[in-house]
């Protein structure tokens, strides 16, 4: 069911979009058997990687780990994304996140897709560049992919009217990243957790979940991303593998962020309609 941009969304349209997302979620649970052996390449890589490179990767991952707490250098420009949404919505006045949250879902989708397309193109070029030198440039590529993934998810959050400067939204972003990099068991667990995400939770429990969530993301990336990156170890030929692998990785992250944020926004919108109907 198509909903023309700019028109009020019907309940049937929103429910149809939810069904599409649920079908996508089921498709994500079908993984290939070789993801089970994803840990092997990095076990081998760990043995032959010089200590200096290991230290560099570790420092970068630790820096990314602070994203949940402060956002750090990875916080994107909110105004730049809002301008893109404003252009897609054909609005004359500058938008705020509150106004974005009330825009048609089709406008949110369009902006998220446009931004993701640019990031995927950048990741493709980056993968080719870091694939030139084999193992040494691969060491630099992994933190770059992680950082770009965080930026993609923040931009997606803004497209659907959520604020990545809010610590709780940064946790949701980590969960989206975790989902994109997990196997079938991990995806199921993340979906179950996100289904209850907007329910009130104890503050201390939330902090513990944040820390554990980040550890799981790093472990999952090192394991499940490992077998793909193994092909990038071959100098020069790694350019081709690097570009294709990075393109796929950022594309998967962008798709997961779009679907999970879109589902959350639609469910909130449906809940608001039910509340208004009950009060009237």
C-alpha atoms as a PDB file:
ATOM      1  CA  UNK A   1       0.000   0.000   0.000  1.00  0.00           C
ATOM      2  CA  UNK A   2       1.522   3.305  -1.131  1.00  0.00           C
ATOM      3  CA  UNK A   3       0.943   6.483   0.854  1.00  0.00           C
ATOM      4  CA  UNK A   4       1.377   9.762  -1.055  1.00  0.00           C
ATOM      5  CA  UNK A   5       3.941  12.073   0.525  1.00  0.00           C
ATOM      6  CA  UNK A   6       2.381  14.989   2.359  1.00  0.00           C
ATOM      7  CA  UNK A   7      -0.965  13.315   3.099  1.00  0.00           C
ATOM      8  CA  UNK A   8      -2.150  12.142   6.501  1.00  0.00           C
ATOM      9  CA  UNK A   9      -1.230   8.504   7.026  1.00  0.00           C
ATOM     10  CA  UNK A  10      -4.004   6.023   7.554  1.00  0.00           C
ATOM     11  CA  UNK A  11      -3.866   3.397  10.255  1.00  0.00           C
ATOM     12  CA  UNK A  12      -4.030   0.743   7.541  1.00  0.00           C
ATOM     13  CA  UNK A  13      -0.949   2.195   5.857  1.00  0.00           C
ATOM     14  CA  UNK A  14       1.037   2.203   9.124  1.00  0.00           C
ATOM     15  CA  UNK A  15       0.014  -1.353   9.937  1.00  0.00           C
ATOM     16  CA  UNK A  16       0.981  -2.461   6.419  1.00  0.00           C
ATOM     17  CA  UNK A  17       4.432  -0.910   6.893  1.00  0.00           C
ATOM     18  CA  UNK A  18       4.825  -2.770  10.187  1.00  0.00           C
ATOM     19  CA  UNK A  19       4.020  -6.047   8.434  1.00  0.00           C
ATOM     20  CA  UNK A  20       6.709  -5.310   5.830  1.00  0.00           C
ATOM     21  CA  UNK A  21       9.255  -4.699   8.591  1.00  0.00           C
ATOM     22  CA  UNK A  22       8.262  -7.902  10.363  1.00  0.00           C
ATOM     23  CA  UNK A  23       8.787  -9.857   7.131  1.00  0.00           C
ATOM     24  CA  UNK A  24      12.223  -8.259   6.849  1.00  0.00           C
ATOM     25  CA  UNK A  25      13.009  -9.270  10.429  1.00  0.00           C
ATOM     26  CA  UNK A  26      12.192 -12.890   9.632  1.00  0.00           C
ATOM     27  CA  UNK A  27      14.436 -12.782   6.581  1.00  0.00           C
ATOM     28  CA  UNK A  28      17.324 -11.513   8.721  1.00  0.00           C
ATOM     29  CA  UNK A  29      17.214 -14.681  10.802  1.00  0.00           C
ATOM     30  CA  UNK A  30      18.329 -16.790   7.827  1.00  0.00           C
ATOM     31  CA  UNK A  31      22.143 -16.849   7.988  1.00  0.00           C
ATOM     32  CA  UNK A  32      24.708 -18.848   6.082  1.00  0.00           C
ATOM     33  CA  UNK A  33      26.528 -21.672   7.787  1.00  0.00           C
ATOM     34  CA  UNK A  34      29.965 -20.102   7.315  1.00  0.00           C
ATOM     35  CA  UNK A  35      29.103 -17.327   9.766  1.00  0.00           C
ATOM     36  CA  UNK A  36      29.529 -20.041  12.384  1.00  0.00           C
ATOM     37  CA  UNK A  37      33.254 -20.189  11.598  1.00  0.00           C
ATOM     38  CA  UNK A  38      33.733 -16.427  11.531  1.00  0.00           C
ATOM     39  CA  UNK A  39      36.053 -16.556  14.536  1.00  0.00           C
ATOM     40  CA  UNK A  40      38.701 -18.631  12.736  1.00  0.00           C
ATOM     41  CA  UNK A  41      40.141 -15.931  10.408  1.00  0.00           C
ATOM     42  CA  UNK A  42      40.731 -13.509  13.266  1.00  0.00           C
ATOM     43  CA  UNK A  43      42.291 -16.243  15.378  1.00  0.00           C
ATOM     44  CA  UNK A  44      44.800 -16.658  12.556  1.00  0.00           C
ATOM     45  CA  UNK A  45      45.069 -12.922  11.973  1.00  0.00           C
ATOM     46  CA  UNK A  46      45.799 -12.361  15.659  1.00  0.00           C
ATOM     47  CA  UNK A  47      48.850 -14.630  15.489  1.00  0.00           C
ATOM     48  CA  UNK A  48      50.483 -12.816  12.589  1.00  0.00           C
ATOM     49  CA  UNK A  49      49.520  -9.216  13.346  1.00  0.00           C
ATOM     50  CA  UNK A  50      52.367  -7.089  14.789  1.00  0.00           C
ATOM     51  CA  UNK A  51      51.805  -5.835  18.340  1.00  0.00           C
ATOM     52  CA  UNK A  52      51.875  -2.184  17.250  1.00  0.00           C
ATOM     53  CA  UNK A  53      48.918  -2.763  14.937  1.00  0.00           C
ATOM     54  CA  UNK A  54      47.032  -4.705  17.631  1.00  0.00           C
ATOM     55  CA  UNK A  55      47.549  -1.786  19.997  1.00  0.00           C
ATOM     56  CA  UNK A  56      46.271   0.665  17.388  1.00  0.00           C
ATOM     57  CA  UNK A  57      43.109  -1.380  16.828  1.00  0.00           C
ATOM     58  CA  UNK A  58      42.572  -1.736  20.566  1.00  0.00           C
ATOM     59  CA  UNK A  59      42.932   2.004  21.129  1.00  0.00           C
ATOM     60  CA  UNK A  60      40.449   2.765  18.368  1.00  0.00           C
ATOM     61  CA  UNK A  61      37.910   0.302  19.737  1.00  0.00           C
ATOM     62  CA  UNK A  62      38.280   1.732  23.236  1.00  0.00           C
ATOM     63  CA  UNK A  63      37.680   5.206  21.822  1.00  0.00           C
ATOM     64  CA  UNK A  64      34.567   3.998  20.038  1.00  0.00           C
ATOM     65  CA  UNK A  65      33.415   2.411  23.287  1.00  0.00           C
ATOM     66  CA  UNK A  66      33.049   5.889  24.782  1.00  0.00           C
ATOM     67  CA  UNK A  67      30.363   6.655  22.196  1.00  0.00           C
ATOM     68  CA  UNK A  68      27.618   5.399  24.524  1.00  0.00           C
ATOM     69  CA  UNK A  69      28.725   7.734  27.286  1.00  0.00           C
ATOM     70  CA  UNK A  70      29.555  10.950  25.428  1.00  0.00           C
ATOM     71  CA  UNK A  71      29.168  10.467  21.685  1.00  0.00           C
ATOM     72  CA  UNK A  72      32.711  11.766  21.323  1.00  0.00           C
ATOM     73  CA  UNK A  73      34.002  12.650  17.890  1.00  0.00           C
ATOM     74  CA  UNK A  74      31.406  10.457  16.234  1.00  0.00           C
ATOM     75  CA  UNK A  75      28.398  12.703  16.851  1.00  0.00           C
ATOM     76  CA  UNK A  76      27.087  13.917  13.497  1.00  0.00           C
ATOM     77  CA  UNK A  77      25.837  17.364  12.557  1.00  0.00           C
ATOM     78  CA  UNK A  78      22.152  17.424  13.410  1.00  0.00           C
ATOM     79  CA  UNK A  79      21.524  20.576  11.375  1.00  0.00           C
ATOM     80  CA  UNK A  80      22.986  19.056   8.214  1.00  0.00           C
ATOM     81  CA  UNK A  81      20.669  16.061   8.426  1.00  0.00           C
ATOM     82  CA  UNK A  82      17.659  18.231   9.277  1.00  0.00           C
ATOM     83  CA  UNK A  83      18.298  20.277   6.141  1.00  0.00           C
ATOM     84  CA  UNK A  84      18.182  17.090   4.085  1.00  0.00           C
ATOM     85  CA  UNK A  85      14.880  16.136   5.708  1.00  0.00           C
ATOM     86  CA  UNK A  86      13.550  19.651   5.122  1.00  0.00           C
ATOM     87  CA  UNK A  87      14.406  19.408   1.428  1.00  0.00           C
ATOM     88  CA  UNK A  88      12.708  16.000   1.094  1.00  0.00           C
ATOM     89  CA  UNK A  89       9.615  17.288   2.917  1.00  0.00           C
ATOM     90  CA  UNK A  90       9.551  20.457   0.776  1.00  0.00           C
ATOM     91  CA  UNK A  91       9.259  22.547   3.932  1.00  0.00           C
ATOM     92  CA  UNK A  92      10.116  26.252   3.817  1.00  0.00           C
ATOM     93  CA  UNK A  93      10.838  26.674   7.528  1.00  0.00           C
ATOM     94  CA  UNK A  94      13.791  24.950   9.259  1.00  0.00           C
ATOM     95  CA  UNK A  95      12.804  21.705  10.976  1.00  0.00           C
ATOM     96  CA  UNK A  96      13.315  20.539  14.533  1.00  0.00           C
ATOM     97  CA  UNK A  97      13.435  16.927  15.679  1.00  0.00           C
ATOM     98  CA  UNK A  98       9.958  17.353  17.145  1.00  0.00           C
ATOM     99  CA  UNK A  99       8.590  18.405  13.748  1.00  0.00           C
ATOM    100  CA  UNK A 100      10.492  15.638  11.960  1.00  0.00           C
ATOM    101  CA  UNK A 101       8.811  13.086  14.230  1.00  0.00           C
ATOM    102  CA  UNK A 102       5.420  14.198  12.821  1.00  0.00           C
ATOM    103  CA  UNK A 103       6.407  14.054   9.140  1.00  0.00           C
ATOM    104  CA  UNK A 104       5.064  11.308   6.843  1.00  0.00           C
ATOM    105  CA  UNK A 105       6.970   8.030   7.049  1.00  0.00           C
ATOM    106  CA  UNK A 106       7.616   8.233   3.298  1.00  0.00           C
ATOM    107  CA  UNK A 107       9.634  11.442   3.789  1.00  0.00           C
ATOM    108  CA  UNK A 108      11.677   9.811   6.556  1.00  0.00           C
ATOM    109  CA  UNK A 109      12.343   6.787   4.341  1.00  0.00           C
ATOM    110  CA  UNK A 110      13.422   8.911   1.398  1.00  0.00           C
ATOM    111  CA  UNK A 111      15.911  10.935   3.443  1.00  0.00           C
ATOM    112  CA  UNK A 112      17.326   7.875   5.195  1.00  0.00           C
ATOM    113  CA  UNK A 113      17.816   6.127   1.846  1.00  0.00           C
ATOM    114  CA  UNK A 114      19.538   9.152   0.301  1.00  0.00           C
ATOM    115  CA  UNK A 115      21.948   9.570   3.208  1.00  0.00           C
ATOM    116  CA  UNK A 116      22.691   5.845   3.343  1.00  0.00           C
ATOM    117  CA  UNK A 117      23.466   5.800  -0.379  1.00  0.00           C
ATOM    118  CA  UNK A 118      26.162   8.429   0.115  1.00  0.00           C
ATOM    119  CA  UNK A 119      27.705   6.569   3.038  1.00  0.00           C
ATOM    120  CA  UNK A 120      27.726   3.281   1.124  1.00  0.00           C
ATOM    121  CA  UNK A 121      29.531   4.956  -1.780  1.00  0.00           C
ATOM    122  CA  UNK A 122      32.121   6.378   0.617  1.00  0.00           C
ATOM    123  CA  UNK A 123      32.591   2.979   2.306  1.00  0.00           C
ATOM    124  CA  UNK A 124      33.133   1.339  -1.093  1.00  0.00           C
ATOM    125  CA  UNK A 125      35.947   3.754  -1.938  1.00  0.00           C
ATOM    126  CA  UNK A 126      37.403   3.418   1.561  1.00  0.00           C
ATOM    127  CA  UNK A 127      37.457  -0.375   1.318  1.00  0.00           C
ATOM    128  CA  UNK A 128      39.319  -0.219  -1.984  1.00  0.00           C
ATOM    129  CA  UNK A 129      41.883   2.173  -0.511  1.00  0.00           C
ATOM    130  CA  UNK A 130      42.536   0.139   2.617  1.00  0.00           C
ATOM    131  CA  UNK A 131      42.632  -3.085   0.582  1.00  0.00           C
ATOM    132  CA  UNK A 132      45.800  -2.025  -1.246  1.00  0.00           C
ATOM    133  CA  UNK A 133      48.234  -2.905   1.525  1.00  0.00           C
ATOM    134  CA  UNK A 134      46.809  -6.163   2.812  1.00  0.00           C
ATOM    135  CA  UNK A 135      47.142  -6.838   6.531  1.00  0.00           C
ATOM    136  CA  UNK A 136      48.595  -3.471   7.489  1.00  0.00           C
ATOM    137  CA  UNK A 137      45.856  -1.342   5.946  1.00  0.00           C
ATOM    138  CA  UNK A 138      43.239  -3.874   7.092  1.00  0.00           C
ATOM    139  CA  UNK A 139      44.158  -2.975  10.663  1.00  0.00           C
ATOM    140  CA  UNK A 140      43.143   0.607   9.978  1.00  0.00           C
ATOM    141  CA  UNK A 141      40.018  -0.346   8.045  1.00  0.00           C
ATOM    142  CA  UNK A 142      38.115  -2.049  10.859  1.00  0.00           C
ATOM    143  CA  UNK A 143      37.935   1.004  13.176  1.00  0.00           C
ATOM    144  CA  UNK A 144      37.007   3.162  10.182  1.00  0.00           C
ATOM    145  CA  UNK A 145      34.109   0.871   9.302  1.00  0.00           C
ATOM    146  CA  UNK A 146      32.907   0.919  12.904  1.00  0.00           C
ATOM    147  CA  UNK A 147      33.043   4.717  13.015  1.00  0.00           C
ATOM    148  CA  UNK A 148      31.215   5.080   9.705  1.00  0.00           C
ATOM    149  CA  UNK A 149      28.563   2.641  10.927  1.00  0.00           C
ATOM    150  CA  UNK A 150      27.910   4.825  13.961  1.00  0.00           C
ATOM    151  CA  UNK A 151      27.534   7.893  11.757  1.00  0.00           C
ATOM    152  CA  UNK A 152      25.070   6.124   9.451  1.00  0.00           C
ATOM    153  CA  UNK A 153      22.911   5.051  12.381  1.00  0.00           C
ATOM    154  CA  UNK A 154      22.910   8.529  13.931  1.00  0.00           C
ATOM    155  CA  UNK A 155      21.802  10.071  10.659  1.00  0.00           C
ATOM    156  CA  UNK A 156      19.051   7.472  10.412  1.00  0.00           C
ATOM    157  CA  UNK A 157      17.916   8.276  13.951  1.00  0.00           C
ATOM    158  CA  UNK A 158      17.540  11.962  13.066  1.00  0.00           C
ATOM    159  CA  UNK A 159      15.612  11.081   9.888  1.00  0.00           C
ATOM    160  CA  UNK A 160      12.971   9.404  12.068  1.00  0.00           C
ATOM    161  CA  UNK A 161      12.876  12.171  14.663  1.00  0.00           C
ATOM    162  CA  UNK A 162      15.133  10.685  17.348  1.00  0.00           C
ATOM    163  CA  UNK A 163      18.020  12.546  18.995  1.00  0.00           C
ATOM    164  CA  UNK A 164      21.406  10.729  18.952  1.00  0.00           C
ATOM    165  CA  UNK A 165      22.718  13.224  21.502  1.00  0.00           C
ATOM    166  CA  UNK A 166      20.387  11.541  23.982  1.00  0.00           C
ATOM    167  CA  UNK A 167      22.345   8.821  25.757  1.00  0.00           C
ATOM    168  CA  UNK A 168      19.425   6.430  25.538  1.00  0.00           C
ATOM    169  CA  UNK A 169      19.298   6.834  21.769  1.00  0.00           C
ATOM    170  CA  UNK A 170      23.009   6.086  21.538  1.00  0.00           C
ATOM    171  CA  UNK A 171      22.284   2.814  23.312  1.00  0.00           C
ATOM    172  CA  UNK A 172      19.607   2.062  20.701  1.00  0.00           C
ATOM    173  CA  UNK A 173      22.166   2.813  17.990  1.00  0.00           C
ATOM    174  CA  UNK A 174      24.575   0.329  19.568  1.00  0.00           C
ATOM    175  CA  UNK A 175      21.795  -2.260  19.544  1.00  0.00           C
ATOM    176  CA  UNK A 176      21.140  -1.588  15.840  1.00  0.00           C
ATOM    177  CA  UNK A 177      24.850  -2.060  15.163  1.00  0.00           C
ATOM    178  CA  UNK A 178      24.818  -5.238  17.229  1.00  0.00           C
ATOM    179  CA  UNK A 179      21.843  -6.549  15.244  1.00  0.00           C
ATOM    180  CA  UNK A 180      23.512  -5.873  11.893  1.00  0.00           C
ATOM    181  CA  UNK A 181      26.652  -7.797  12.882  1.00  0.00           C
ATOM    182  CA  UNK A 182      25.063 -10.711  14.763  1.00  0.00           C
ATOM    183  CA  UNK A 183      24.284 -14.279  13.766  1.00  0.00           C
ATOM    184  CA  UNK A 184      20.788 -15.778  13.927  1.00  0.00           C
ATOM    185  CA  UNK A 185      20.849 -16.190  17.725  1.00  0.00           C
ATOM    186  CA  UNK A 186      22.104 -12.654  18.278  1.00  0.00           C
ATOM    187  CA  UNK A 187      19.558 -11.112  15.917  1.00  0.00           C
ATOM    188  CA  UNK A 188      16.697 -12.846  17.708  1.00  0.00           C
ATOM    189  CA  UNK A 189      17.960 -11.649  21.104  1.00  0.00           C
ATOM    190  CA  UNK A 190      18.356  -8.054  19.916  1.00  0.00           C
ATOM    191  CA  UNK A 191      14.873  -7.990  18.379  1.00  0.00           C
ATOM    192  CA  UNK A 192      13.373  -9.272  21.624  1.00  0.00           C
ATOM    193  CA  UNK A 193      15.213  -6.597  23.595  1.00  0.00           C
ATOM    194  CA  UNK A 194      14.255  -3.770  21.233  1.00  0.00           C
ATOM    195  CA  UNK A 195      10.608  -4.845  21.340  1.00  0.00           C
ATOM    196  CA  UNK A 196      10.634  -3.725  24.996  1.00  0.00           C
ATOM    197  CA  UNK A 197      12.983  -0.800  24.510  1.00  0.00           C
ATOM    198  CA  UNK A 198      10.508   2.001  25.209  1.00  0.00           C
ATOM    199  CA  UNK A 199       9.282   0.392  28.427  1.00  0.00           C
ATOM    200  CA  UNK A 200      10.471   2.053  31.686  1.00  0.00           C
ATOM    201  CA  UNK A 201      13.693   0.487  32.994  1.00  0.00           C
ATOM    202  CA  UNK A 202      15.837   0.865  36.056  1.00  0.00           C
ATOM    203  CA  UNK A 203      18.717   3.301  35.490  1.00  0.00           C
ATOM    204  CA  UNK A 204      21.447   1.072  36.894  1.00  0.00           C
ATOM    205  CA  UNK A 205      20.268  -1.902  34.863  1.00  0.00           C
ATOM    206  CA  UNK A 206      20.335   0.290  31.767  1.00  0.00           C
ATOM    207  CA  UNK A 207      23.966   1.309  32.367  1.00  0.00           C
ATOM    208  CA  UNK A 208      24.989  -2.329  32.775  1.00  0.00           C
ATOM    209  CA  UNK A 209      23.198  -3.184  29.533  1.00  0.00           C
ATOM    210  CA  UNK A 210      25.049  -0.366  27.753  1.00  0.00           C
ATOM    211  CA  UNK A 211      28.459  -1.683  28.729  1.00  0.00           C
ATOM    212  CA  UNK A 212      27.602  -5.269  27.883  1.00  0.00           C
ATOM    213  CA  UNK A 213      26.020  -4.216  24.612  1.00  0.00           C
ATOM    214  CA  UNK A 214      29.192  -2.502  23.447  1.00  0.00           C
ATOM    215  CA  UNK A 215      31.319  -5.525  24.326  1.00  0.00           C
ATOM    216  CA  UNK A 216      28.979  -7.754  22.337  1.00  0.00           C
ATOM    217  CA  UNK A 217      29.166  -5.436  19.326  1.00  0.00           C
ATOM    218  CA  UNK A 218      32.971  -5.495  19.273  1.00  0.00           C
ATOM    219  CA  UNK A 219      33.089  -9.279  19.711  1.00  0.00           C
ATOM    220  CA  UNK A 220      30.470  -9.798  17.025  1.00  0.00           C
ATOM    221  CA  UNK A 221      32.303  -7.565  14.547  1.00  0.00           C
ATOM    222  CA  UNK A 222      35.597  -9.323  15.160  1.00  0.00           C
ATOM    223  CA  UNK A 223      33.973 -12.746  14.759  1.00  0.00           C
ATOM    224  CA  UNK A 224      31.345 -12.417  12.042  1.00  0.00           C
ATOM    225  CA  UNK A 225      33.180  -9.780   9.995  1.00  0.00           C
ATOM    226  CA  UNK A 226      36.431 -11.732  10.193  1.00  0.00           C
ATOM    227  CA  UNK A 227      35.915 -14.357   7.516  1.00  0.00           C
ATOM    228  CA  UNK A 228      34.965 -11.675   4.998  1.00  0.00           C
ATOM    229  CA  UNK A 229      37.965  -9.501   5.810  1.00  0.00           C
ATOM    230  CA  UNK A 230      40.288 -12.485   5.377  1.00  0.00           C
ATOM    231  CA  UNK A 231      40.019 -12.022   1.604  1.00  0.00           C
ATOM    232  CA  UNK A 232      41.219  -8.441   1.979  1.00  0.00           C
ATOM    233  CA  UNK A 233      44.611  -9.588   3.275  1.00  0.00           C
ATOM    234  CA  UNK A 234      45.946 -10.122  -0.243  1.00  0.00           C
ATOM    235  CA  UNK A 235      47.731  -6.907  -1.304  1.00  0.00           C
ATOM    236  CA  UNK A 236      46.321  -5.147  -4.382  1.00  0.00           C
ATOM    237  CA  UNK A 237      43.671  -7.854  -4.939  1.00  0.00           C
ATOM    238  CA  UNK A 238      42.354  -6.757  -1.551  1.00  0.00           C
ATOM    239  CA  UNK A 239      41.130  -3.565  -3.245  1.00  0.00           C
ATOM    240  CA  UNK A 240      38.291  -5.452  -4.897  1.00  0.00           C
ATOM    241  CA  UNK A 241      37.423  -7.480  -1.816  1.00  0.00           C
ATOM    242  CA  UNK A 242      37.713  -4.436   0.433  1.00  0.00           C
ATOM    243  CA  UNK A 243      35.362  -2.318  -1.640  1.00  0.00           C
ATOM    244  CA  UNK A 244      32.727  -5.059  -1.907  1.00  0.00           C
ATOM    245  CA  UNK A 245      32.947  -6.037   1.770  1.00  0.00           C
ATOM    246  CA  UNK A 246      32.718  -2.472   3.071  1.00  0.00           C
ATOM    247  CA  UNK A 247      29.857  -1.691   0.708  1.00  0.00           C
ATOM    248  CA  UNK A 248      27.959  -4.702   2.012  1.00  0.00           C
ATOM    249  CA  UNK A 249      28.765  -3.949   5.657  1.00  0.00           C
ATOM    250  CA  UNK A 250      27.584  -0.331   5.612  1.00  0.00           C
ATOM    251  CA  UNK A 251      24.604  -1.273   3.471  1.00  0.00           C
ATOM    252  CA  UNK A 252      23.546  -3.852   6.054  1.00  0.00           C
ATOM    253  CA  UNK A 253      23.972  -1.371   8.915  1.00  0.00           C
ATOM    254  CA  UNK A 254      21.982   1.305   7.076  1.00  0.00           C
ATOM    255  CA  UNK A 255      19.165  -1.143   6.293  1.00  0.00           C
ATOM    256  CA  UNK A 256      19.007  -2.375   9.898  1.00  0.00           C
ATOM    257  CA  UNK A 257      18.931   1.162  11.253  1.00  0.00           C
ATOM    258  CA  UNK A 258      16.194   2.215   8.858  1.00  0.00           C
ATOM    259  CA  UNK A 259      13.970  -0.764   9.589  1.00  0.00           C
ATOM    260  CA  UNK A 260      14.401  -0.714  13.372  1.00  0.00           C
ATOM    261  CA  UNK A 261      13.951   3.053  13.725  1.00  0.00           C
ATOM    262  CA  UNK A 262      11.051   3.053  11.293  1.00  0.00           C
ATOM    263  CA  UNK A 263       9.317   0.302  13.238  1.00  0.00           C
ATOM    264  CA  UNK A 264       9.808   2.210  16.482  1.00  0.00           C
ATOM    265  CA  UNK A 265       8.404   5.431  15.029  1.00  0.00           C
ATOM    266  CA  UNK A 266       5.364   3.679  13.522  1.00  0.00           C
ATOM    267  CA  UNK A 267       4.594   1.818  16.752  1.00  0.00           C
ATOM    268  CA  UNK A 268       4.778   5.092  18.696  1.00  0.00           C
ATOM    269  CA  UNK A 269       2.478   6.736  16.158  1.00  0.00           C
ATOM    270  CA  UNK A 270      -0.050   3.896  16.377  1.00  0.00           C
ATOM    271  CA  UNK A 271       0.059   4.038  20.182  1.00  0.00           C
ATOM    272  CA  UNK A 272      -0.629   7.788  20.087  1.00  0.00           C
ATOM    273  CA  UNK A 273      -3.623   7.202  17.808  1.00  0.00           C
ATOM    274  CA  UNK A 274      -5.010   4.600  20.217  1.00  0.00           C
ATOM    275  CA  UNK A 275      -4.599   6.999  23.142  1.00  0.00           C
ATOM    276  CA  UNK A 276      -6.353   9.806  21.267  1.00  0.00           C
ATOM    277  CA  UNK A 277      -9.179   7.465  20.255  1.00  0.00           C
ATOM    278  CA  UNK A 278      -9.595   6.305  23.860  1.00  0.00           C
ATOM    279  CA  UNK A 279      -9.731   9.895  25.155  1.00  0.00           C
ATOM    280  CA  UNK A 280     -12.264  11.056  22.586  1.00  0.00           C
END
